[in-house]
Protein backbone atom coordinates (compact mmCIF):
# COMPACT_ATOMS: atom_id res chain seq x y z
CA MET A 1 18.86 24.91 10.71
CA ILE A 2 17.86 24.87 14.27
CA ILE A 3 16.07 27.85 16.21
CA GLY A 4 16.19 27.26 19.81
CA ILE A 5 12.74 29.52 21.20
CA THR A 6 13.01 29.63 25.47
CA GLY A 7 12.01 32.29 28.30
CA SER A 8 10.83 32.95 31.69
CA PHE A 9 8.13 30.46 32.32
CA GLY A 10 4.01 30.96 31.31
CA SER A 11 6.18 34.24 28.88
CA GLY A 12 4.84 31.86 25.47
CA LYS A 13 7.62 29.72 23.96
CA SER A 14 4.92 27.31 23.28
CA THR A 15 2.63 29.66 20.41
CA VAL A 16 6.46 31.68 19.24
CA ALA A 17 7.49 27.65 18.13
CA ARG A 18 4.44 27.46 17.32
CA ALA A 19 3.83 30.56 14.45
CA PHE A 20 7.87 29.54 13.61
CA LYS A 21 5.90 26.47 12.48
CA LYS A 22 3.24 27.67 10.61
CA PHE A 23 5.89 29.74 8.55
CA THR A 24 8.84 27.50 7.89
CA LYS A 25 6.78 24.58 7.43
CA GLY A 26 8.90 23.00 9.95
CA SER A 27 8.86 21.04 13.69
CA ILE A 28 8.68 22.00 17.04
CA ILE A 29 10.95 18.85 20.09
CA ASP A 30 8.38 19.54 22.70
CA ALA A 31 11.15 19.60 25.72
CA ASP A 32 8.13 18.94 28.29
CA LYS A 33 6.43 16.90 25.69
CA ILE A 34 9.54 14.82 25.74
CA ALA A 35 9.74 15.31 29.68
CA LYS A 36 6.12 14.01 30.12
CA ASP A 37 6.56 11.13 27.99
CA LEU A 38 10.08 9.37 30.18
CA GLU A 39 8.12 10.24 33.20
CA LYS A 40 5.50 7.79 31.85
CA PRO A 41 4.69 4.81 35.38
CA ASN A 42 7.76 2.71 35.38
CA LYS A 43 10.00 4.28 32.22
CA ILE A 44 13.47 4.95 33.51
CA LEU A 45 13.12 8.70 34.26
CA TRP A 46 9.47 7.96 36.75
CA LYS A 47 11.95 5.12 38.39
CA LYS A 48 14.42 8.00 39.64
CA ILE A 49 13.16 10.81 40.23
CA VAL A 50 10.13 8.42 42.58
CA GLY A 51 13.76 6.88 43.80
CA GLU A 52 14.30 10.14 44.57
CA PHE A 53 11.86 12.25 46.27
CA GLY A 54 9.88 8.83 47.08
CA LYS A 55 5.97 8.42 46.73
CA LYS A 56 4.51 10.72 48.13
CA ILE A 57 4.97 12.07 43.97
CA LEU A 58 2.52 9.19 42.72
CA LYS A 59 -0.94 10.14 42.03
CA ASN A 60 -3.15 6.76 40.38
CA LYS A 61 0.90 5.12 39.29
CA GLU A 62 1.73 8.83 37.90
CA ILE A 63 4.10 11.79 38.96
CA ASP A 64 2.16 14.44 40.47
CA ARG A 65 3.47 16.88 38.43
CA LYS A 66 2.07 19.23 41.13
CA ARG A 67 3.26 17.84 43.97
CA LEU A 68 6.89 17.70 42.23
CA ALA A 69 6.77 21.35 41.79
CA ASP A 70 5.81 22.15 45.05
CA ILE A 71 8.59 20.67 46.53
CA VAL A 72 11.01 21.32 43.76
CA PHE A 73 10.16 25.23 43.57
CA SER A 74 10.91 25.66 47.01
CA ASP A 75 14.02 24.43 47.95
CA ASP A 76 17.45 25.03 45.12
CA ARG A 77 18.43 21.54 46.17
CA LYS A 78 15.66 20.02 45.01
CA LEU A 79 14.97 21.34 41.98
CA LYS A 80 18.72 21.10 40.97
CA ARG A 81 19.34 17.47 41.97
CA LEU A 82 15.63 17.01 39.38
CA ASN A 83 17.28 19.22 36.19
CA LYS A 84 20.92 16.90 37.02
CA ILE A 85 18.42 13.89 36.80
CA THR A 86 16.21 14.89 33.64
CA HIS A 87 18.20 16.95 31.35
CA PRO A 88 20.88 14.07 29.98
CA TYR A 89 17.81 11.82 28.79
CA ILE A 90 15.83 15.11 27.60
CA ILE A 91 18.53 16.17 25.95
CA LYS A 92 19.81 12.57 25.01
CA GLU A 93 16.11 12.03 23.04
CA ILE A 94 16.50 16.14 21.22
CA LYS A 95 19.36 14.86 19.53
CA LYS A 96 17.97 11.92 18.52
CA ARG A 97 15.11 13.98 16.61
CA ILE A 98 17.59 16.29 15.09
CA ARG A 99 19.53 13.09 13.76
CA SER A 100 15.90 11.29 12.89
CA SER A 101 14.85 15.52 11.16
CA ASN A 102 14.43 15.16 7.63
CA ARG A 103 12.90 19.23 7.62
CA GLU A 104 14.63 22.70 7.20
CA PHE A 105 13.28 24.08 10.33
CA MET A 106 14.10 22.82 13.74
CA ILE A 107 11.94 24.80 16.63
CA LEU A 108 13.58 24.23 19.84
CA ASP A 109 11.05 24.68 22.47
CA VAL A 110 12.93 24.54 25.89
CA PRO A 111 12.76 26.20 28.98
CA LEU A 112 16.21 25.49 30.60
CA LEU A 113 18.06 25.47 27.31
CA ILE A 114 20.62 27.85 28.34
CA GLU A 115 20.49 26.91 31.90
CA ALA A 116 20.92 23.35 30.21
CA ASP A 117 23.99 24.32 28.52
CA MET A 118 22.24 23.65 24.91
CA LEU A 119 23.07 26.42 23.49
CA LYS A 120 25.42 24.64 21.09
CA MET A 121 23.31 22.75 19.64
CA VAL A 122 21.05 25.47 18.15
CA ASP A 123 22.20 28.15 15.31
CA LYS A 124 19.76 31.20 16.59
CA LEU A 125 18.33 31.96 19.78
CA VAL A 126 15.04 33.62 19.82
CA VAL A 127 14.11 34.68 23.72
CA VAL A 128 10.41 35.47 24.43
CA LYS A 129 9.72 38.02 26.90
CA THR A 130 5.93 38.92 28.47
CA ASN A 131 5.14 41.53 30.56
CA SER A 132 5.28 40.17 34.09
CA LYS A 133 1.33 41.44 34.87
CA ILE A 134 0.38 40.14 31.83
CA LEU A 135 2.12 36.74 32.53
CA VAL A 136 0.84 36.59 36.45
CA LYS A 137 -2.42 36.84 34.73
CA ARG A 138 -2.70 34.57 32.23
CA LEU A 139 -1.03 31.53 34.51
CA ALA A 140 -3.72 33.13 37.36
CA LYS A 141 -5.92 30.13 36.10
CA SER A 142 -3.87 27.24 37.30
CA TYR A 143 -1.29 28.76 39.01
CA SER A 144 -1.33 31.23 42.45
CA LYS A 145 0.61 34.52 42.27
CA GLY A 146 3.76 32.62 44.67
CA GLU A 147 3.44 29.42 41.85
CA VAL A 148 4.35 31.64 39.74
CA LEU A 149 6.66 34.15 40.93
CA ASN A 150 8.58 30.15 42.49
CA ARG A 151 9.57 29.37 38.74
CA ILE A 152 10.17 32.93 37.24
CA ARG A 153 12.86 32.82 40.10
CA SER A 154 13.81 29.04 39.65
CA GLN A 155 15.30 30.44 36.33
CA LEU A 156 17.71 31.77 34.76
CA SER A 157 16.64 35.90 34.47
CA LEU A 158 15.08 37.45 31.23
CA LYS A 159 17.90 40.07 31.26
CA LYS A 160 20.67 37.04 31.43
CA LYS A 161 18.47 35.11 29.04
CA MET A 162 18.62 38.34 26.53
CA GLU A 163 21.89 38.48 26.53
CA SER A 164 21.98 35.09 24.49
CA ALA A 165 19.76 35.45 22.14
CA ASP A 166 19.81 36.64 18.47
CA TYR A 167 16.18 37.82 18.58
CA PHE A 168 13.55 38.84 20.80
CA ILE A 169 9.78 38.28 21.09
CA ASP A 170 7.02 39.92 22.79
CA ASN A 171 4.51 38.03 23.09
CA GLY A 172 2.59 40.19 25.45
CA LYS A 173 0.52 41.74 22.54
CA SER A 174 -1.97 39.33 20.18
CA LEU A 175 -1.35 36.71 18.76
CA LYS A 176 -1.12 38.65 14.62
CA ASP A 177 1.44 40.71 16.29
CA THR A 178 3.72 38.03 17.36
CA GLY A 179 3.35 36.85 14.22
CA TYR A 180 4.40 39.85 12.66
CA GLN A 181 7.48 39.54 14.98
CA VAL A 182 8.42 35.99 13.53
CA ILE A 183 7.81 37.08 10.20
CA LYS A 184 10.54 39.89 10.78
CA ILE A 185 13.06 37.50 12.28
CA LEU A 186 12.99 34.83 9.43
CA LYS A 187 12.54 37.83 6.56
CA ASN A 188 16.37 38.88 8.80
CA MET A 189 17.60 35.06 8.97
CA LYS A 190 16.91 34.83 4.76
CA GLU A 191 18.75 37.96 4.60
CA ASN A 192 21.60 37.04 6.31
CA SER A 193 21.31 33.19 5.15
CA TYR A 194 20.28 31.63 8.42
């Protein structure tokens, strides 16, 4: 059973993925962690990204994700170019991990799951939503309001994501509340034989 988790930037997808892991004893495949690993100095993605955007995005030979974000989230064409470079490698690694897993449940934590045309890879899609005021407040320590809004605008709208969802979770309350919603979804999946 492959459960896809997606949602807007900062909605708490990883928190929801961890809750699904806890209640299913499944394993999480985190697309952001895969991307970071594939972007380590001198790895294939590092070479391709630096080749496209130049050495100005580097800090101590590593890709400075903030510098890269400043470039791509202010220019749609550059963001599309970055996605075109990175998505095939990330998807290939996700497929490899799915094939090698023996867990009953796999939880895919993928911010751009729909945009990367990965819907066919999941059995059920859970969209995580959070009130925008809570979202901005939650991310205020790391990002300016403008940066948060730019990233949200660069993604498929929450409304569009909801159209593809089998389930949704409101992650704007307590961790306990999120856990209750996950349990309810798993119960529904079981009743419907996944």
